[in-house]
Every structure is written in C-alpha cells, then in structure tokens.
Protein backbone atom coordinates (compact mmCIF):
# COMPACT_ATOMS: atom_id res chain seq x y z
CA MET A 1 5.15 69.04 67.39
CA ARG A 2 3.26 72.18 68.56
CA ASP A 3 2.98 75.16 66.26
CA THR A 4 5.13 77.56 68.31
CA LYS A 5 7.58 80.32 67.55
CA GLU A 6 10.51 77.99 68.16
CA SER A 7 9.15 75.30 65.79
CA ARG A 8 8.65 77.83 63.00
CA LEU A 9 12.21 79.10 63.49
CA LEU A 10 13.55 75.47 63.32
CA LEU A 11 11.64 74.77 60.10
CA VAL A 12 12.98 77.94 58.44
CA LEU A 13 16.52 76.97 59.51
CA LEU A 14 16.24 73.46 58.09
CA VAL A 15 14.89 74.77 54.77
CA ALA A 16 17.76 77.26 54.57
CA ILE A 17 20.31 74.52 55.22
CA ALA A 18 18.70 72.31 52.52
CA PHE A 19 18.88 75.09 49.93
CA ALA A 20 22.49 75.76 50.89
CA LEU A 21 23.41 72.09 50.40
CA ILE A 22 21.61 71.97 47.03
CA THR A 23 23.50 75.11 45.91
CA VAL A 24 26.85 73.68 46.97
CA ASP A 25 26.08 70.34 45.25
CA ILE A 26 25.11 71.98 41.98
CA ARG A 27 28.17 74.24 41.94
CA GLY A 28 30.50 71.37 42.85
CA GLY A 29 29.37 69.12 39.98
CA ARG A 30 31.23 65.81 40.01
CA ASN A 31 33.46 67.09 42.84
CA SER A 32 30.53 67.92 45.07
CA PRO A 33 31.35 67.49 48.79
CA VAL A 34 28.03 65.70 49.33
CA ASP A 35 28.57 63.15 46.51
CA GLY A 36 29.94 60.52 48.87
CA ALA A 37 26.96 60.84 51.15
CA ARG A 38 24.61 60.53 48.19
CA HIS A 39 26.28 57.27 47.01
CA ALA A 40 26.15 55.87 50.53
CA ALA A 41 22.46 56.60 50.76
CA ALA A 42 21.86 55.00 47.39
CA ALA A 43 23.70 51.84 48.46
CA VAL A 44 21.56 51.59 51.57
CA PHE A 45 18.18 52.54 50.23
CA GLY A 46 18.48 51.35 46.59
CA PRO A 47 17.54 47.67 47.14
CA VAL A 48 14.69 48.74 49.38
CA GLU A 49 13.35 51.03 46.66
CA ASN A 50 13.54 48.26 44.08
CA GLY A 51 11.65 45.92 46.38
CA LEU A 52 9.03 48.52 47.13
CA SER A 53 8.72 49.35 43.44
CA SER A 54 8.03 45.72 42.61
CA ALA A 55 5.56 45.48 45.44
CA VAL A 56 3.64 48.66 44.72
CA ASP A 57 3.81 48.49 40.91
CA PRO A 58 2.39 45.06 39.86
CA VAL A 59 1.12 46.55 36.59
CA ALA A 60 4.67 47.07 35.33
CA GLY A 61 5.52 43.47 36.21
CA ALA A 62 2.38 42.22 34.50
CA VAL A 63 3.15 44.18 31.33
CA SER A 64 6.67 42.77 31.28
CA ALA A 65 5.33 39.25 31.78
CA VAL A 66 2.80 39.68 28.99
CA ARG A 67 5.49 41.03 26.68
CA ASP A 68 7.80 38.08 27.43
CA SER A 69 4.90 35.66 27.18
CA GLY A 70 4.01 37.11 23.80
CA SER A 71 7.51 36.61 22.47
CA ARG A 72 7.60 33.05 23.79
CA HIS A 73 4.16 32.42 22.27
CA ASP A 74 5.39 33.71 18.90
CA ARG A 75 8.40 31.41 19.02
CA LEU A 76 6.20 28.50 20.03
CA ALA A 77 3.76 29.25 17.22
CA VAL A 78 6.61 29.25 14.71
CA LEU A 79 7.93 25.93 16.04
CA GLU A 80 4.46 24.40 15.98
CA LYS A 81 3.97 25.57 12.41
CA GLU A 82 7.30 24.11 11.34
CA ASN A 83 6.49 20.85 13.14
CA ALA A 84 3.09 20.62 11.44
CA ALA A 85 4.70 21.23 8.06
CA LEU A 86 7.28 18.52 8.74
CA LYS A 87 4.57 16.06 9.79
CA ALA A 88 2.58 16.89 6.67
CA LYS A 89 5.66 16.30 4.54
CA LEU A 90 6.39 13.00 6.24
CA GLY A 91 2.75 11.99 5.87
CA SER A 92 2.84 12.90 2.21
CA ASP A 93 6.05 10.93 1.77
CA ASP A 94 4.50 7.92 3.49
CA ARG A 95 1.50 8.12 1.20
CA ASN A 96 3.71 8.44 -1.85
CA ARG A 97 5.77 5.46 -0.73
CA SER A 98 2.58 3.45 -0.27
CA ARG A 99 1.39 4.38 -3.75
CA LEU A 100 4.74 3.55 -5.30
CA LYS A 101 4.61 0.17 -3.59
CA GLN A 102 1.09 -0.44 -4.95
CA LEU A 103 2.17 0.64 -8.42
CA ASP A 104 5.18 -1.67 -8.32
CA LYS A 105 2.96 -4.63 -7.41
CA LEU A 106 0.46 -3.69 -10.13
CA LEU A 107 3.16 -3.50 -12.80
CA LYS A 108 4.57 -6.85 -11.64
CA VAL A 109 1.15 -8.50 -12.00
CA ALA A 110 0.65 -6.88 -15.41
CA GLY A 111 4.07 -8.05 -16.54
CA GLU A 112 3.61 -11.64 -15.37
CA GLY A 113 0.16 -11.87 -16.93
CA GLN A 114 1.09 -9.90 -20.05
CA TYR A 115 -1.85 -7.57 -19.47
CA GLY A 116 -1.87 -4.17 -21.13
CA ILE A 117 -3.19 -1.88 -18.42
CA LYS A 118 -4.20 1.72 -17.85
CA GLY A 119 -3.36 2.86 -14.35
CA ALA A 120 -5.99 4.78 -12.38
CA GLN A 121 -6.69 6.11 -8.92
CA VAL A 122 -9.81 5.52 -6.87
CA ILE A 123 -11.48 8.89 -6.32
CA ALA A 124 -14.83 7.87 -4.81
CA ILE A 125 -16.78 4.95 -3.43
CA GLY A 126 -20.40 4.14 -4.21
CA SER A 127 -22.29 5.48 -7.20
CA ALA A 128 -25.57 6.92 -8.33
CA GLN A 129 -26.52 3.65 -10.04
CA GLY A 130 -27.45 2.06 -6.72
CA PHE A 131 -24.71 -0.59 -6.64
CA SER A 132 -23.76 -1.65 -3.14
CA TRP A 133 -20.05 -2.11 -3.76
CA THR A 134 -18.60 0.22 -6.38
CA ILE A 135 -15.75 2.65 -6.84
CA THR A 136 -15.14 5.55 -9.20
CA ILE A 137 -11.75 5.85 -10.88
CA ASP A 138 -10.15 8.83 -12.60
CA ALA A 139 -9.92 7.23 -16.05
CA GLY A 140 -12.62 7.16 -18.70
CA ALA A 141 -13.35 7.08 -22.41
CA ASP A 142 -10.69 9.69 -23.09
CA ASP A 143 -8.15 7.20 -21.69
CA GLY A 144 -9.37 4.26 -23.76
CA ILE A 145 -11.58 2.76 -21.05
CA LYS A 146 -14.65 0.82 -22.20
CA ARG A 147 -17.48 -0.98 -20.52
CA ASP A 148 -16.84 -4.59 -19.37
CA MET A 149 -13.09 -4.30 -18.94
CA THR A 150 -11.31 -6.19 -16.16
CA VAL A 151 -10.01 -4.14 -13.23
CA LEU A 152 -7.19 -5.44 -11.02
CA ASN A 153 -4.52 -4.27 -8.65
CA GLY A 154 -1.26 -5.68 -7.32
CA ASP A 155 -3.15 -8.27 -5.27
CA GLY A 156 -5.66 -9.62 -7.77
CA LEU A 157 -9.15 -9.16 -9.18
CA VAL A 158 -10.86 -5.89 -8.22
CA GLY A 159 -13.93 -5.94 -10.48
CA ARG A 160 -15.20 -4.87 -13.89
CA VAL A 161 -16.05 -1.55 -15.52
CA THR A 162 -19.80 -0.92 -15.71
CA THR A 163 -20.19 2.76 -16.61
CA VAL A 164 -17.81 4.97 -18.56
CA GLY A 165 -17.70 8.76 -18.71
CA PRO A 166 -15.25 11.01 -20.52
CA SER A 167 -12.76 11.14 -17.63
CA THR A 168 -14.15 8.79 -14.97
CA SER A 169 -15.54 5.26 -14.79
CA THR A 170 -17.57 3.19 -12.34
CA VAL A 171 -16.25 -0.22 -11.31
CA LEU A 172 -18.45 -2.96 -9.85
CA LEU A 173 -16.36 -4.68 -7.18
CA ALA A 174 -15.95 -8.45 -7.07
CA ASN A 175 -17.56 -8.68 -3.63
CA ASP A 176 -20.84 -7.10 -4.79
CA PRO A 177 -23.83 -9.52 -4.66
CA ASP A 178 -24.54 -8.77 -8.33
CA PHE A 179 -21.00 -9.74 -9.35
CA THR A 180 -20.20 -13.14 -10.89
CA VAL A 181 -16.97 -14.34 -12.45
CA GLY A 182 -15.84 -17.68 -13.88
CA THR A 183 -13.02 -19.30 -11.89
CA ARG A 184 -10.51 -22.09 -12.27
CA MET A 185 -8.73 -23.97 -9.52
CA GLU A 186 -4.94 -23.75 -9.37
CA ALA A 187 -3.08 -26.65 -10.98
CA GLY A 188 -6.31 -28.19 -12.21
CA ASP A 189 -9.25 -27.74 -14.51
CA GLU A 190 -12.05 -27.56 -11.96
CA LEU A 191 -14.24 -24.68 -13.07
CA GLY A 192 -16.82 -22.71 -11.14
CA PHE A 193 -18.54 -19.39 -10.67
CA ALA A 194 -17.69 -16.97 -7.87
CA SER A 195 -20.27 -14.53 -6.54
CA GLY A 196 -19.81 -11.61 -4.17
CA GLN A 197 -21.25 -11.57 -0.66
CA GLY A 198 -20.38 -8.10 0.53
CA ASP A 199 -17.98 -8.19 3.46
CA ARG A 200 -18.14 -12.00 3.63
CA PRO A 201 -15.99 -14.44 1.60
CA LEU A 202 -16.83 -15.06 -2.05
CA ARG A 203 -19.16 -17.98 -2.69
CA VAL A 204 -17.95 -20.34 -5.41
CA GLU A 205 -20.05 -23.07 -7.01
CA LEU A 206 -17.83 -25.70 -8.62
CA LEU A 207 -19.37 -27.43 -11.64
CA ASN A 208 -18.06 -30.78 -10.40
CA GLY A 209 -19.84 -31.81 -7.23
CA LYS A 210 -17.21 -34.49 -6.53
CA ALA A 211 -14.18 -32.27 -7.00
CA GLU A 212 -11.37 -32.77 -4.51
CA VAL A 213 -10.84 -29.38 -2.87
CA LYS A 214 -9.24 -28.41 0.43
CA LYS A 215 -8.69 -25.32 2.48
CA GLY A 216 -5.80 -23.23 1.13
CA ASP A 217 -6.39 -24.06 -2.55
CA ARG A 218 -6.27 -21.01 -4.82
CA LEU A 219 -8.38 -19.75 -7.68
CA VAL A 220 -7.85 -17.52 -10.72
CA THR A 221 -10.23 -16.10 -13.31
CA PHE A 222 -11.15 -18.47 -16.11
CA GLY A 223 -11.67 -15.73 -18.64
CA SER A 224 -14.58 -14.72 -20.85
CA GLN A 225 -15.28 -14.95 -24.56
CA ALA A 226 -13.26 -12.26 -26.33
CA ASP A 227 -11.74 -11.49 -22.91
CA LYS A 228 -14.73 -9.38 -21.84
CA PRO A 229 -15.56 -8.76 -19.11
CA PHE A 230 -12.75 -10.91 -17.71
CA VAL A 231 -9.29 -11.80 -18.87
CA PRO A 232 -7.86 -15.17 -17.70
CA GLY A 233 -5.34 -15.84 -14.96
CA VAL A 234 -6.12 -12.98 -12.55
CA PRO A 235 -5.76 -14.13 -8.90
CA VAL A 236 -9.15 -14.33 -7.16
CA GLY A 237 -8.56 -15.76 -3.69
CA VAL A 238 -7.87 -18.66 -1.34
CA VAL A 239 -10.34 -21.34 -0.26
CA SER A 240 -11.22 -20.76 3.39
CA ARG A 241 -14.02 -23.32 3.77
CA VAL A 242 -15.46 -26.24 1.79
CA ASP A 243 -19.03 -27.37 2.26
CA PRO A 244 -19.34 -31.13 2.68
CA SER A 245 -20.30 -32.85 -0.56
CA GLY A 246 -23.94 -33.87 -0.47
CA GLY A 247 -23.90 -35.70 -3.77
CA GLY A 248 -25.25 -32.66 -5.64
CA LEU A 249 -24.31 -31.54 -9.10
CA THR A 250 -22.16 -28.69 -7.75
CA ARG A 251 -19.91 -28.13 -4.75
CA THR A 252 -19.83 -24.94 -2.69
CA LEU A 253 -16.63 -23.24 -1.62
CA TYR A 254 -15.99 -20.06 0.33
CA VAL A 255 -13.03 -18.05 -0.86
CA THR A 256 -11.21 -15.21 0.90
CA PRO A 257 -10.34 -12.70 -1.86
CA TYR A 258 -6.79 -11.46 -2.29
CA VAL A 259 -8.00 -7.88 -2.66
CA GLY A 260 -8.99 -5.73 0.31
CA PHE A 261 -12.03 -3.97 -1.11
CA THR A 262 -12.19 -1.40 1.69
CA LYS A 263 -8.70 0.02 1.07
CA LEU A 264 -8.38 0.44 -2.68
CA ASP A 265 -6.23 3.23 -4.10
CA ILE A 266 -4.19 2.41 -7.22
CA VAL A 267 -5.81 0.05 -9.75
CA GLY A 268 -5.27 -0.98 -13.35
CA VAL A 269 -7.84 -1.42 -16.13
CA VAL A 270 -6.90 -4.14 -18.62
CA VAL A 271 -7.15 -2.41 -22.00
CA ALA A 272 -5.23 -5.14 -23.87
CA PRO A 273 -5.73 -8.85 -22.99
CA PRO A 274 -2.81 -11.32 -22.93
CA LYS A 275 -1.99 -13.20 -26.11
CA GLN A 276 -2.25 -16.48 -24.21
CA ASP A 277 -3.73 -17.67 -20.94
CA PRO A 278 -1.15 -17.05 -18.18
CA ARG A 279 -2.72 -19.89 -16.17
CA ASP A 280 -1.26 -19.80 -12.63
CA THR A 281 1.82 -17.68 -13.27
CA VAL A 282 0.29 -14.53 -11.78
CA LEU A 283 -0.52 -16.16 -8.44
CA PRO A 284 1.73 -14.99 -5.59
CA ALA A 285 4.37 -17.34 -4.27
CA LYS A 286 3.06 -19.68 -1.63
CA PRO A 287 4.26 -18.89 1.88
CA LYS A 288 6.90 -21.26 3.12
CA PRO A 289 5.70 -23.47 5.97
CA VAL A 290 7.18 -22.58 9.31
CA PRO A 291 8.73 -25.68 10.92
CA THR A 292 7.32 -26.61 14.29
CA PRO A 293 10.10 -26.78 16.86
CA THR A 294 10.37 -30.11 18.71
CA VAL A 295 11.61 -30.36 22.26
CA THR A 296 13.28 -33.52 23.51
CA VAL A 297 13.40 -33.98 27.27
CA THR A 298 16.04 -36.34 28.68
CA VAL A 299 15.70 -37.39 32.28
CA THR A 300 19.00 -38.05 34.10
CA PRO A 301 18.74 -39.94 37.43
CA SER A 302 20.05 -38.03 40.41
CA ALA A 303 23.01 -39.43 42.36
CA ASP A 304 20.98 -39.22 45.54
CA ALA A 305 18.02 -41.14 44.08
CA PRO A 306 17.31 -44.51 45.85
CA ALA A 307 18.37 -47.59 43.89
CA THR A 308 15.66 -49.81 42.41
CA ASP A 309 15.35 -53.59 43.05
CA GLU A 310 16.98 -54.32 39.70
CA GLN A 311 19.95 -52.06 40.54
CA GLN A 312 20.35 -53.88 43.88
C-alpha cells in the first residue's frame, strides 16, 4: 500500500474503531457484545496456537520431558534398591540355610561317633607357614583348641590342627602332601596309611599286600595313641582305584575323600574323643542300587505273512 493521504486516513479510522471496541468490551464486562466473537475466534485459532507453541517452543517440551524422566528415574531407582535389598536378603537366607544344613550334618556325625566337638567357621585359606593346603578357623586356645586335634565336618575327615592362636587356628587339610593318617577298611581289619595328593585322590598303602579290596570299599580313621592327632571312626573316603597286586609287602589304593576341600565352611574340632571306637557307625548309608530296567520284546506273526513249509 502506498503512503498516501487516503491510506493515512484509513489507518486512523481503523485505530479509532479498535479503541472503541476495546472501550465497549471493557465496560460491558461479562455481557460484552463482542464476547461471542472472541469465543468463536478462540475456538478456531486455539488449536493452531497450541500446535505452533509446541513447534516453536521445543525447550518447554524438553524441560517437561526431563522433569517426567527424572520422576520416573527416581521411582526406578527406588524399585531397583528394593529389589537389590530383597535379593540380598534371599541370598543371606540361602547362605544361612546352607550353614544350618552343614551344622545339622556335623552334629549328626558328632552324635553317631560320640565326639565332643567345638564348632568353627573357616575364615581364610592358606597360611604363613607355607603349607599348600590349609585353612584358618575362628576358634583358638580361648575356645579350648589345642595342637593335633582332629577336624571334621558333616561329610568326614577335614584335617588336623597344626597351629593355635588365642582366637584362631590353622588346620592342615587331609589332601595336603604332608598329611598322613592311619586308616581301616570298612567291615574288616585291613589297616593302611592315607596320604594327601592335592587335588587328586588320596593314596593309601595297605599293610597287607594280598588284601582283597575292590572299588567302592570305604575307609575310616584308625585312630592314634591317646586319640591325637586322630580319633577313630571318622569317614575318610571311597576306594576309586586299586593297583594290581605285584606281590609286594603293601598294596596301593586310591581313595576319593568324602570332604570337598575347596568348599569348606562349617567344621568341628574334636575336643573330647569318644569313649569307645565307633568303628563303622559314622559312615553314611550306602546308596541303594538302582535296578536296571529289562525290556522283553515279543514278536507276533502278521496275518498277511506267508506260511512256512511246516505250516503248510
């Protein structure tokens, strides 16, 4: 539009009309004559304004998203924390159940063998004395522990006490190469000496080179003079292999120990020996043999099969 006299006059007129409408609207309040027109304009242009606002104001949307994300993150963090606490509780319960199970087995062995024991927990492996296979337990002289006492758990022979401190003790495990214990075969009087071989089966030298031994036979401790370092009747292990007899003075056996030396937790130190040799009463019950199923196949001749010469 050109800047002419007529255009200036039109602009002044439009401004005057706008001021007049504003004055009428203000004075009319809720009953303003232009209220209907205003609502109509809002209905038409309102959605467009909202769309434009969202399009031209991404910062506001981002702030809202961050705020909502933060609240969701807080809720998620709380749930994750509660979940972790629940898992920790369940883990702790599982560990406690495992320990109770071990303790029950230990007390059963002590009761069957009439051993007076002091319960202890394994708190470390290895020692400063240079032994290859040792553990440290949380019981010592203050608990009545002395050197050369037998150590067992719910499965069988663990080892013997070698060093005693006020509140802790070192135990030499039965699978250590420096470990030797007298053994006796189950239901017999065949004696021998078992030695540790680390993570391999125990090596047992029977005093009788002609002894009749087979795989699956079981051994217990023979016991020592004055019951130190070993009390009698503690389960040692199961024969896994027998060397052929070569006519020597001794016979060599290889025995898989009952105790898992890499997963020790609850043990018992025998502080009072049994009044009499428990012999084989502490050995676990033998597993029942599983019967081998037999299948009988019966062949029935088909009606369409050709007859043989005998049938003809």
